[in-house]
Protein backbone atom coordinates (compact mmCIF):
# COMPACT_ATOMS: atom_id res chain seq x y z
CA UNK A 1 0.00 0.00 0.00
CA UNK A 2 2.95 2.35 0.49
CA UNK A 3 3.44 2.67 -3.28
CA UNK A 4 -0.23 3.57 -3.79
CA UNK A 5 -0.85 7.28 -4.30
CA UNK A 6 -1.81 8.89 -0.97
CA UNK A 7 -5.14 10.08 -2.39
CA UNK A 8 -6.07 6.50 -3.36
CA UNK A 9 -4.53 4.62 -0.45
CA UNK A 10 -7.59 4.45 1.80
CA UNK A 11 -9.77 3.21 -1.06
CA UNK A 12 -7.17 0.58 -1.95
CA UNK A 13 -7.02 -0.70 1.65
CA UNK A 14 -10.80 -0.79 1.98
CA UNK A 15 -11.19 -2.80 -1.22
CA UNK A 16 -8.50 -5.23 -0.10
CA UNK A 17 -10.12 -5.58 3.31
CA UNK A 18 -13.52 -6.32 1.74
CA UNK A 19 -11.97 -9.05 -0.36
CA UNK A 20 -10.15 -10.66 2.58
CA UNK A 21 -13.04 -10.50 5.02
CA UNK A 22 -15.90 -11.15 2.62
CA UNK A 23 -16.90 -14.08 0.49
CA UNK A 24 -16.11 -12.73 -2.97
CA UNK A 25 -13.54 -14.67 -4.94
CA UNK A 26 -12.02 -11.69 -6.73
CA UNK A 27 -11.92 -7.92 -6.94
CA UNK A 28 -10.83 -5.30 -9.44
CA UNK A 29 -9.99 -1.66 -8.91
CA UNK A 30 -8.08 1.19 -10.52
CA UNK A 31 -5.81 3.50 -8.61
CA UNK A 32 -2.61 5.48 -8.93
CA UNK A 33 0.82 4.30 -7.85
CA UNK A 34 3.87 6.48 -7.31
CA UNK A 35 6.92 5.44 -9.33
CA UNK A 36 10.46 5.76 -7.92
CA UNK A 37 10.93 8.99 -9.90
CA UNK A 38 7.86 10.50 -8.22
CA UNK A 39 5.52 10.30 -11.19
CA UNK A 40 2.04 8.84 -10.80
CA UNK A 41 0.78 6.00 -12.98
CA UNK A 42 -2.71 4.55 -13.16
CA UNK A 43 -2.98 0.79 -12.79
CA UNK A 44 -5.76 -1.76 -13.01
CA UNK A 45 -5.42 -4.25 -10.15
CA UNK A 46 -7.12 -7.64 -10.33
CA UNK A 47 -6.94 -9.79 -7.22
CA UNK A 48 -8.19 -13.31 -6.64
CA UNK A 49 -8.46 -14.84 -3.19
CA UNK A 50 -7.89 -18.56 -2.66
CA UNK A 51 -9.68 -19.79 0.45
CA UNK A 52 -9.46 -22.87 2.64
CA UNK A 53 -12.37 -25.13 3.56
CA UNK A 54 -13.42 -22.71 6.28
CA UNK A 55 -13.51 -19.80 3.84
CA UNK A 56 -10.39 -18.11 5.18
CA UNK A 57 -8.11 -16.51 2.58
CA UNK A 58 -4.84 -18.42 2.33
CA UNK A 59 -3.43 -16.86 -0.81
CA UNK A 60 -3.83 -13.84 -3.06
CA UNK A 61 -3.09 -13.92 -6.77
CA UNK A 62 -2.89 -10.57 -8.50
CA UNK A 63 -2.27 -8.94 -11.84
CA UNK A 64 -1.39 -5.30 -12.42
CA UNK A 65 -1.74 -3.53 -15.76
CA UNK A 66 -0.62 0.02 -16.50
CA UNK A 67 -3.67 1.89 -17.84
CA UNK A 68 -2.23 5.42 -17.69
CA UNK A 69 -2.47 5.98 -21.45
CA UNK A 70 -6.00 4.59 -21.55
CA UNK A 71 -7.09 6.89 -18.73
CA UNK A 72 -5.48 9.88 -20.46
CA UNK A 73 -7.27 9.04 -23.71
CA UNK A 74 -10.61 8.68 -21.89
CA UNK A 75 -10.13 12.03 -20.13
CA UNK A 76 -9.19 13.72 -23.41
CA UNK A 77 -12.38 12.31 -24.94
CA UNK A 78 -14.47 13.58 -22.02
CA UNK A 79 -12.96 17.05 -22.35
CA UNK A 80 -13.56 17.03 -26.10
CA UNK A 81 -17.19 16.04 -25.55
CA UNK A 82 -17.62 18.80 -22.96
CA UNK A 83 -16.17 21.36 -25.38
CA UNK A 84 -18.43 20.07 -28.16
CA UNK A 85 -21.52 20.37 -25.97
CA UNK A 86 -20.51 23.86 -24.83
CA UNK A 87 -20.10 24.95 -28.46
CA UNK A 88 -23.23 23.44 -29.97
CA UNK A 89 -25.66 23.89 -27.10
CA UNK A 90 -25.14 27.67 -26.94
CA UNK A 91 -24.77 28.31 -30.66
CA UNK A 92 -27.44 30.22 -32.56
CA UNK A 93 -26.72 28.06 -35.59
CA UNK A 94 -28.16 24.57 -35.66
CA UNK A 95 -26.55 21.24 -36.44
CA UNK A 96 -28.31 18.13 -37.67
CA UNK A 97 -26.78 14.70 -38.15
CA UNK A 98 -28.62 12.74 -40.82
CA UNK A 99 -28.25 9.15 -41.95
CA UNK A 100 -28.10 8.18 -45.62
CA UNK A 101 -31.92 8.29 -45.84
CA UNK A 102 -32.07 11.83 -44.40
CA UNK A 103 -33.44 10.61 -41.07
CA UNK A 104 -32.42 12.94 -38.23
CA UNK A 105 -30.14 11.13 -35.79
CA UNK A 106 -29.14 14.16 -33.72
CA UNK A 107 -30.32 17.76 -33.43
CA UNK A 108 -28.73 20.52 -31.38
CA UNK A 109 -30.88 22.71 -29.11
CA UNK A 110 -30.79 25.52 -31.70
CA UNK A 111 -33.64 23.79 -33.53
CA UNK A 112 -35.93 25.18 -30.82
CA UNK A 113 -35.41 28.92 -31.45
CA UNK A 114 -35.04 28.40 -35.21
CA UNK A 115 -38.05 26.17 -35.93
CA UNK A 116 -39.83 25.85 -32.60
CA UNK A 117 -39.25 22.12 -32.18
CA UNK A 118 -37.69 20.33 -29.25
CA UNK A 119 -34.65 18.29 -30.41
CA UNK A 120 -36.44 15.10 -29.34
CA UNK A 121 -39.37 15.96 -31.64
CA UNK A 122 -37.20 15.96 -34.76
CA UNK A 123 -34.88 13.09 -33.85
CA UNK A 124 -35.84 9.95 -35.76
CA UNK A 125 -37.93 11.94 -38.26
CA UNK A 126 -37.42 12.38 -41.99
CA UNK A 127 -35.64 15.73 -42.42
CA UNK A 128 -37.56 16.37 -45.65
CA UNK A 129 -40.76 16.39 -43.61
CA UNK A 130 -39.80 19.87 -42.37
CA UNK A 131 -39.11 21.28 -45.85
CA UNK A 132 -41.71 23.48 -47.56
CA UNK A 133 -43.42 21.36 -50.27
CA UNK A 134 -42.42 23.80 -53.05
CA UNK A 135 -38.74 23.44 -52.14
CA UNK A 136 -38.77 19.71 -51.56
CA UNK A 137 -37.50 18.59 -55.01
CA UNK A 138 -34.49 20.91 -54.83
CA UNK A 139 -33.74 19.84 -51.24
CA UNK A 140 -33.79 16.17 -52.23
CA UNK A 141 -31.52 16.92 -55.19
CA UNK A 142 -28.98 18.69 -52.98
CA UNK A 143 -29.02 15.85 -50.45
CA UNK A 144 -28.37 13.34 -53.22
CA UNK A 145 -25.49 15.53 -54.39
CA UNK A 146 -24.02 15.49 -50.88
CA UNK A 147 -24.21 11.69 -50.84
CA UNK A 148 -22.31 11.58 -54.13
CA UNK A 149 -19.57 13.95 -52.93
CA UNK A 150 -18.24 12.83 -49.52
CA UNK A 151 -16.33 15.49 -47.64
CA UNK A 152 -17.55 18.35 -49.83
CA UNK A 153 -19.69 21.15 -48.37
CA UNK A 154 -22.92 21.42 -50.35
CA UNK A 155 -24.72 24.76 -49.77
CA UNK A 156 -28.46 25.22 -50.06
CA UNK A 157 -31.20 27.67 -49.14
CA UNK A 158 -34.80 26.57 -48.78
CA UNK A 159 -37.97 27.26 -46.87
CA UNK A 160 -38.85 25.18 -43.82
CA UNK A 161 -42.15 24.82 -42.01
CA UNK A 162 -41.84 25.70 -38.33
CA UNK A 163 -43.76 24.17 -35.45
CA UNK A 164 -46.20 27.11 -35.43
CA UNK A 165 -46.98 26.60 -39.13
CA UNK A 166 -44.94 29.61 -40.17
CA UNK A 167 -42.32 29.54 -42.89
CA UNK A 168 -38.62 30.15 -42.23
CA UNK A 169 -35.90 30.64 -44.80
CA UNK A 170 -33.01 28.33 -43.93
CA UNK A 171 -29.45 28.62 -45.19
CA UNK A 172 -27.33 25.51 -44.76
CA UNK A 173 -24.24 23.56 -45.66
CA UNK A 174 -24.42 19.77 -45.80
CA UNK A 175 -21.33 17.59 -45.71
CA UNK A 176 -21.34 13.84 -46.19
CA UNK A 177 -19.18 12.29 -43.48
CA UNK A 178 -20.85 8.89 -43.48
CA UNK A 179 -17.49 7.24 -44.14
CA UNK A 180 -15.86 8.92 -41.13
CA UNK A 181 -15.96 6.36 -38.25
CA UNK A 182 -16.16 9.18 -35.73
CA UNK A 183 -19.19 10.81 -37.37
CA UNK A 184 -21.06 8.39 -39.68
CA UNK A 185 -23.57 11.04 -40.71
CA UNK A 186 -24.35 13.79 -43.15
CA UNK A 187 -23.56 16.89 -41.09
CA UNK A 188 -25.91 19.82 -41.72
CA UNK A 189 -25.04 23.26 -40.36
CA UNK A 190 -27.98 25.64 -40.75
CA UNK A 191 -29.27 29.05 -39.73
CA UNK A 192 -32.45 31.12 -39.99
CA UNK A 193 -32.02 33.88 -42.59
CA UNK A 194 -35.70 34.80 -42.87
CA UNK A 195 -35.20 38.42 -41.76
CA UNK A 196 -32.16 38.87 -43.99
CA UNK A 197 -34.04 37.59 -47.02
CA UNK A 198 -37.07 39.77 -46.23
CA UNK A 199 -34.85 42.84 -45.95
CA UNK A 200 -33.12 42.01 -49.22
CA UNK A 201 -36.45 41.70 -51.00
CA UNK A 202 -37.91 44.88 -49.56
């Protein structure tokens, strides 16, 4: 226990005590150890207790694995996810992730102020169901173009029908990233340009 990081030492001892005094055959935990040079490393510790006929532990078999790099990668992923949420959840622009059939797999909260829908209301729905009927053929054509050109940003402007029945002019860029293992979606960045278009036509 003396090589266990001071912050993890009590937890290590408690887990070991539970294994020795209980009836479980094995236990697993992760904690930090302090190397001779003073650096801390994360390890995964697997212990197995061999007991006699009376149930008393007579031997411990253990295996340690260094999981420092794995922990660092997991923490980096958590930080990246937190940054992503902070960016998309507060953005005025919306993001949709569509599958290859244009079904919405993810919608950022911006869909609420832009179209009046809760993200859960649009998730799992056909994205073309929100397009104004007069603009539907062009929207389908642009989506097909995005499918044909992976990685290329395909711009489009069309009218969408909001939750209140009103019409909004939407400007977007769609990018096919279905082949990207980290995305596997057509990424649509969009914004409401209704007021801009009205001012331009005035």
